[in-house]
Protein backbone atom coordinates (compact mmCIF):
# COMPACT_ATOMS: atom_id res chain seq x y z
CA MET A 1 6.62 17.19 -10.98
CA TYR A 2 6.06 20.75 -9.81
CA ALA A 3 3.12 22.67 -8.36
CA ILE A 4 2.05 26.26 -7.93
CA VAL A 5 0.62 26.57 -4.43
CA GLU A 6 -0.56 29.44 -2.24
CA ILE A 7 1.22 29.60 1.13
CA ALA A 8 0.49 32.36 3.67
CA GLY A 9 -0.92 34.68 1.02
CA GLN A 10 1.89 34.16 -1.52
CA GLN A 11 2.13 31.89 -4.55
CA PHE A 12 5.19 29.65 -4.98
CA LYS A 13 6.36 27.24 -7.67
CA VAL A 14 7.64 24.27 -5.68
CA GLU A 15 9.15 20.84 -6.33
CA LYS A 16 9.91 17.93 -4.06
CA ASP A 17 12.89 18.40 -1.66
CA GLN A 18 12.92 22.15 -2.40
CA LYS A 19 13.49 24.58 0.46
CA VAL A 20 11.25 27.66 0.51
CA PHE A 21 11.10 30.75 2.74
CA VAL A 22 7.50 31.80 3.43
CA HIS A 23 5.77 34.21 5.80
CA ARG A 24 5.83 33.07 9.43
CA LEU A 25 3.63 29.98 10.03
CA ALA A 26 2.01 29.04 13.34
CA THR A 27 3.37 25.47 13.12
CA GLU A 28 6.22 24.50 15.44
CA GLU A 29 9.66 23.53 14.13
CA GLY A 30 10.00 19.89 13.11
CA LYS A 31 6.29 19.35 12.46
CA THR A 32 4.64 18.78 9.09
CA VAL A 33 2.11 21.02 7.44
CA SER A 34 -0.06 20.66 4.33
CA PHE A 35 -1.36 23.23 1.85
CA ASP A 36 -4.62 22.56 -0.01
CA ASN A 37 -4.79 25.67 -2.21
CA VAL A 38 -2.92 24.15 -5.18
CA LEU A 39 -3.48 26.22 -8.32
CA LEU A 40 -1.54 24.22 -10.88
CA ILE A 41 0.32 20.92 -11.12
CA GLY A 42 2.75 20.15 -13.93
CA ASP A 43 4.31 16.79 -14.84
CA GLY A 44 6.50 17.00 -17.92
CA ASP A 45 4.32 18.12 -20.86
CA LYS A 46 1.11 17.52 -18.90
CA PHE A 47 -0.37 20.00 -16.43
CA THR A 48 -3.59 20.33 -14.46
CA LEU A 49 -5.12 23.74 -13.90
CA GLY A 50 -7.50 24.49 -11.04
CA ALA A 51 -10.52 26.77 -11.01
CA PRO A 52 -9.10 28.34 -8.97
CA ALA A 53 -7.77 25.39 -6.90
CA ILE A 54 -7.47 21.73 -7.84
CA ASP A 55 -9.83 19.44 -5.90
CA GLY A 56 -7.97 16.76 -3.96
CA ALA A 57 -4.52 18.23 -4.62
CA GLN A 58 -2.20 18.87 -1.73
CA VAL A 59 1.39 19.89 -1.03
CA GLY A 60 3.03 18.50 2.10
CA ALA A 61 5.98 20.21 3.79
CA LYS A 62 8.05 20.13 6.96
CA VAL A 63 8.92 23.20 9.06
CA LEU A 64 12.69 23.49 9.41
CA SER A 65 13.11 26.79 11.34
CA HIS A 66 11.64 30.18 12.15
CA LEU A 67 13.82 33.20 11.40
CA LYS A 68 13.82 36.85 10.35
CA GLY A 69 14.68 38.22 6.92
CA ASP A 70 17.14 40.96 6.01
CA LYS A 71 16.53 44.44 7.41
CA VAL A 72 14.63 46.82 5.16
CA ILE A 73 14.87 50.60 5.77
CA VAL A 74 11.59 52.51 5.35
CA PHE A 75 12.17 56.29 5.07
CA LYS A 76 9.33 58.80 4.70
CA LYS A 77 9.75 62.53 4.04
CA LYS A 78 7.45 65.45 3.28
CA ARG A 79 9.29 68.39 1.79
CA ARG A 80 8.84 71.86 3.28
CA LYS A 81 7.07 70.28 6.27
CA GLY A 82 10.03 69.15 8.40
CA TYR A 83 8.61 65.60 8.42
CA ARG A 84 11.15 62.77 8.41
CA VAL A 85 10.51 59.25 9.72
CA LYS A 86 12.99 56.39 9.46
CA ASN A 87 12.03 52.84 10.46
CA GLY A 88 13.64 49.45 10.05
CA HIS A 89 11.75 46.23 9.36
CA ARG A 90 12.70 42.56 9.40
CA GLN A 91 10.06 40.20 8.06
CA ALA A 92 9.27 37.12 10.16
CA LEU A 93 9.86 34.06 7.94
CA THR A 94 9.60 30.29 8.14
CA GLU A 95 11.88 27.89 6.26
CA ILE A 96 10.08 24.78 4.98
CA ILE A 97 11.08 21.84 2.79
CA ILE A 98 8.62 20.29 0.33
CA GLU A 99 8.12 16.60 1.08
CA SER A 100 5.26 15.59 -1.24
CA ILE A 101 3.01 16.78 -4.04
CA VAL A 102 -0.32 14.92 -4.36
CA ALA A 103 -2.33 15.54 -7.53
CA SER A 104 -5.62 13.98 -6.35
CA GLY A 105 -7.26 12.03 -3.55
CA ALA A 106 -5.94 14.09 -0.64
CA THR A 107 -8.30 15.05 2.18
CA LYS A 108 -8.43 18.65 3.20
CA ALA A 109 -7.44 19.58 6.73
CA ASP A 110 -10.35 20.24 9.11
CA LYS A 111 -10.27 24.00 9.79
CA THR A 112 -13.38 24.17 11.96
CA VAL A 113 -11.42 23.34 15.13
CA LYS A 114 -9.37 26.59 14.90
CA ALA A 115 -12.43 28.82 15.12
CA LYS A 116 -13.64 27.47 18.53
CA PRO A 117 -10.94 29.01 20.81
CA ALA A 118 -11.66 32.49 19.42
CA LYS A 119 -15.29 32.31 20.65
CA ALA A 120 -14.18 31.26 24.13
CA GLU A 121 -11.84 34.29 24.45
CA LYS A 122 -14.53 36.96 23.90
CA PRO A 123 -16.07 36.83 27.44
CA ALA A 124 -12.59 37.30 28.95
CA LYS A 125 -12.16 40.61 27.05
CA ALA A 126 -15.52 41.85 28.31
CA GLU A 127 -14.48 41.09 31.92
CA LYS A 128 -11.25 43.12 31.51
CA ALA A 129 -13.17 46.14 30.22
CA ALA A 130 -15.38 46.35 33.36
CA PRO A 131 -12.70 47.50 35.88
CA VAL A 132 -11.51 50.23 33.50
CA LYS A 133 -14.92 51.92 33.64
CA GLU A 134 -14.90 51.82 37.44
CA ALA A 135 -11.44 53.43 37.58
CA LYS A 136 -12.55 56.40 35.44
CA LYS A 137 -15.28 57.35 37.91
CA VAL A 138 -12.80 58.21 40.72
CA GLU A 139 -11.75 61.78 39.71
CA PRO A 140 -13.98 64.34 41.46
CA LYS A 141 -11.35 66.88 42.67
CA LYS A 142 -10.62 68.79 39.44
CA PRO A 143 -13.59 71.23 39.59
CA ALA A 144 -12.27 72.63 42.89
CA LYS A 145 -9.07 73.84 41.17
CA LYS A 146 -11.08 75.51 38.40
CA GLU A 147 -13.22 77.34 40.95
CA VAL A 148 -10.06 78.68 42.63
CA GLU A 149 -8.69 79.84 39.26
CA VAL A 150 -11.99 81.59 38.41
CA SER A 151 -12.03 83.40 41.75
CA GLU A 152 -8.42 84.54 41.24
CA ASN A 153 -9.30 85.85 37.77
CA LEU A 154 -12.23 87.79 39.22
CA ILE A 155 -9.96 89.38 41.84
CA THR A 156 -7.38 90.43 39.23
CA ARG A 157 -10.13 91.90 37.01
CA ALA A 158 -11.45 93.91 39.96
CA GLU A 159 -7.95 95.21 40.64
CA HIS A 160 -7.55 96.26 36.99
CA ARG A 161 -10.89 98.08 37.13
CA ALA A 162 -9.75 99.95 40.24
CA GLU A 163 -6.53 100.90 38.46
CA ASP A 164 -8.52 102.10 35.43
CA ALA A 165 -10.64 104.30 37.72
CA ASN A 166 -7.47 105.90 39.15
CA VAL A 167 -6.19 106.52 35.63
CA GLU A 168 -9.38 108.38 34.69
CA ILE A 169 -9.02 110.62 37.74
CA ASN A 170 -5.36 111.35 36.86
CA ILE A 171 -6.33 112.17 33.26
CA GLU A 172 -8.80 114.75 34.53
CA LYS A 173 -5.97 116.38 36.48
CA VAL A 174 -3.82 116.45 33.35
CA LEU A 175 -6.60 118.05 31.27
CA ASN A 176 -7.17 120.68 33.97
CA SER A 177 -3.52 121.72 33.71
CA ILE A 178 -3.07 121.62 29.92
CA GLY A 179 -6.60 122.65 28.95
CA THR A 180 -9.26 120.93 26.91
CA ALA A 181 -9.79 120.91 23.16
CA LEU A 182 -12.44 119.84 20.68
CA LYS A 183 -11.99 117.04 18.19
CA ALA A 184 -12.84 119.51 15.39
CA ASP A 185 -9.73 121.53 16.30
CA ALA A 186 -7.44 118.50 16.33
CA ASP A 187 -3.91 118.83 14.92
CA ASP A 188 -1.97 116.12 13.15
CA LEU A 189 -0.09 114.80 16.19
CA LYS A 190 1.80 112.35 13.99
CA LEU A 191 4.08 115.24 12.99
CA ILE A 192 5.73 114.92 16.40
CA ASN A 193 8.60 112.48 16.28
CA GLY A 194 7.63 109.36 18.21
CA ILE A 195 3.85 109.69 17.79
CA GLY A 196 2.37 107.28 15.28
CA PRO A 197 -1.25 106.44 14.40
CA VAL A 198 -1.61 104.23 17.47
CA TYR A 199 -0.21 106.90 19.83
CA GLU A 200 -2.42 109.53 18.23
CA GLU A 201 -5.56 107.44 18.77
CA LYS A 202 -4.55 106.78 22.37
CA LEU A 203 -4.01 110.51 23.07
CA ASN A 204 -7.30 111.40 21.36
CA GLU A 205 -9.12 108.93 23.56
CA LEU A 206 -7.65 110.74 26.59
CA GLY A 207 -8.83 114.13 25.26
CA ILE A 208 -5.49 115.42 23.89
CA TYR A 209 -5.92 116.73 20.33
CA THR A 210 -3.68 119.77 19.76
CA PHE A 211 -0.03 120.82 19.76
CA GLU A 212 -0.89 123.50 22.33
CA GLN A 213 -2.02 120.88 24.87
CA ILE A 214 1.21 118.90 24.45
CA SER A 215 3.34 122.05 24.72
CA LYS A 216 1.81 122.75 28.17
CA LEU A 217 2.67 119.32 29.62
CA LYS A 218 4.54 119.70 32.90
CA ALA A 219 6.71 117.15 34.68
CA ALA A 220 3.82 115.99 36.87
CA ASP A 221 1.55 115.67 33.83
CA ARG A 222 4.14 113.60 31.99
CA GLU A 223 4.41 111.24 34.96
CA GLU A 224 0.64 110.73 34.94
CA LEU A 225 0.60 109.97 31.21
CA SER A 226 3.58 107.61 31.46
CA ALA A 227 1.55 105.39 33.82
CA ILE A 228 -0.98 104.68 31.06
CA ASP A 229 -0.48 101.50 29.04
CA GLY A 230 0.51 102.04 25.42
CA ILE A 231 2.52 105.27 25.93
CA THR A 232 6.33 105.13 26.01
CA ARG A 233 7.74 106.66 29.18
CA GLU A 234 11.13 107.82 27.87
CA LYS A 235 9.73 110.20 25.25
CA ILE A 236 7.19 111.76 27.64
CA GLU A 237 9.38 112.08 30.74
CA THR A 238 11.89 114.08 28.71
CA GLU A 239 10.80 117.36 27.12
CA GLU A 240 11.15 116.05 23.55
CA TRP A 241 7.40 116.12 22.80
CA VAL A 242 7.00 119.53 24.45
CA LYS A 243 9.83 121.07 22.38
CA GLN A 244 8.52 119.65 19.11
CA ALA A 245 4.97 120.78 19.92
CA LYS A 246 6.15 124.36 20.58
CA ALA A 247 8.09 124.39 17.29
CA LEU A 248 5.04 123.14 15.38
CA LEU A 249 2.89 125.85 17.00
CA LYS A 250 5.27 128.53 15.71
CA ASP A 251 5.17 127.09 12.20
CA LYS A 252 1.39 126.90 12.41
CA LYS A 253 1.09 130.60 13.26
């Protein structure tokens, strides 16, 4: 006689005195356990089919040991993402031996007793959640640090504004020495080696448009311009721009 029975979510074809490895059961070693979800029972040429289970049928077994199965490597990879995860898994198993197969007349195990402890545990979880809420309330000192950071940012902004005011005054001194020009008379300053579109826009914002203005830059003027952000000091402190501007003025004439 054999039976097809569902044990811990899996279906097995079992016979008497057969040893089977199933998913871990909650029963202790050495104790007996019964399974009521019998789907089919066969005895020679005769068999009984359930719909889906056979009423009154039962398979009895004894728990021999609890153990772990062979290690299985789980490797995940996503190409072109740099994602690689490697994990090992050993399934928790229980070894049982089939002691009896009953085709009819067996009484099902009373499962209502197992549901009662779960209801009693719910109030305990609610009591553990209460102190966590009280602990979260004790953190009032963080806003003070943010206020200090905001005040420091305001001070640094004020310092930058003062520096910008000094720069404007220095630019006026530079324009007094090299002369002023109109935007309509602007030359293509990008012809000077080292001046690109960004440099040209920066110089135009300061009021420098022509080769003639650059050719009149003196050492003091170059020092004032080199203090402005966005202008390279090495090319201004030397006379490279002045020489190129003078040469371009001759070609222009």
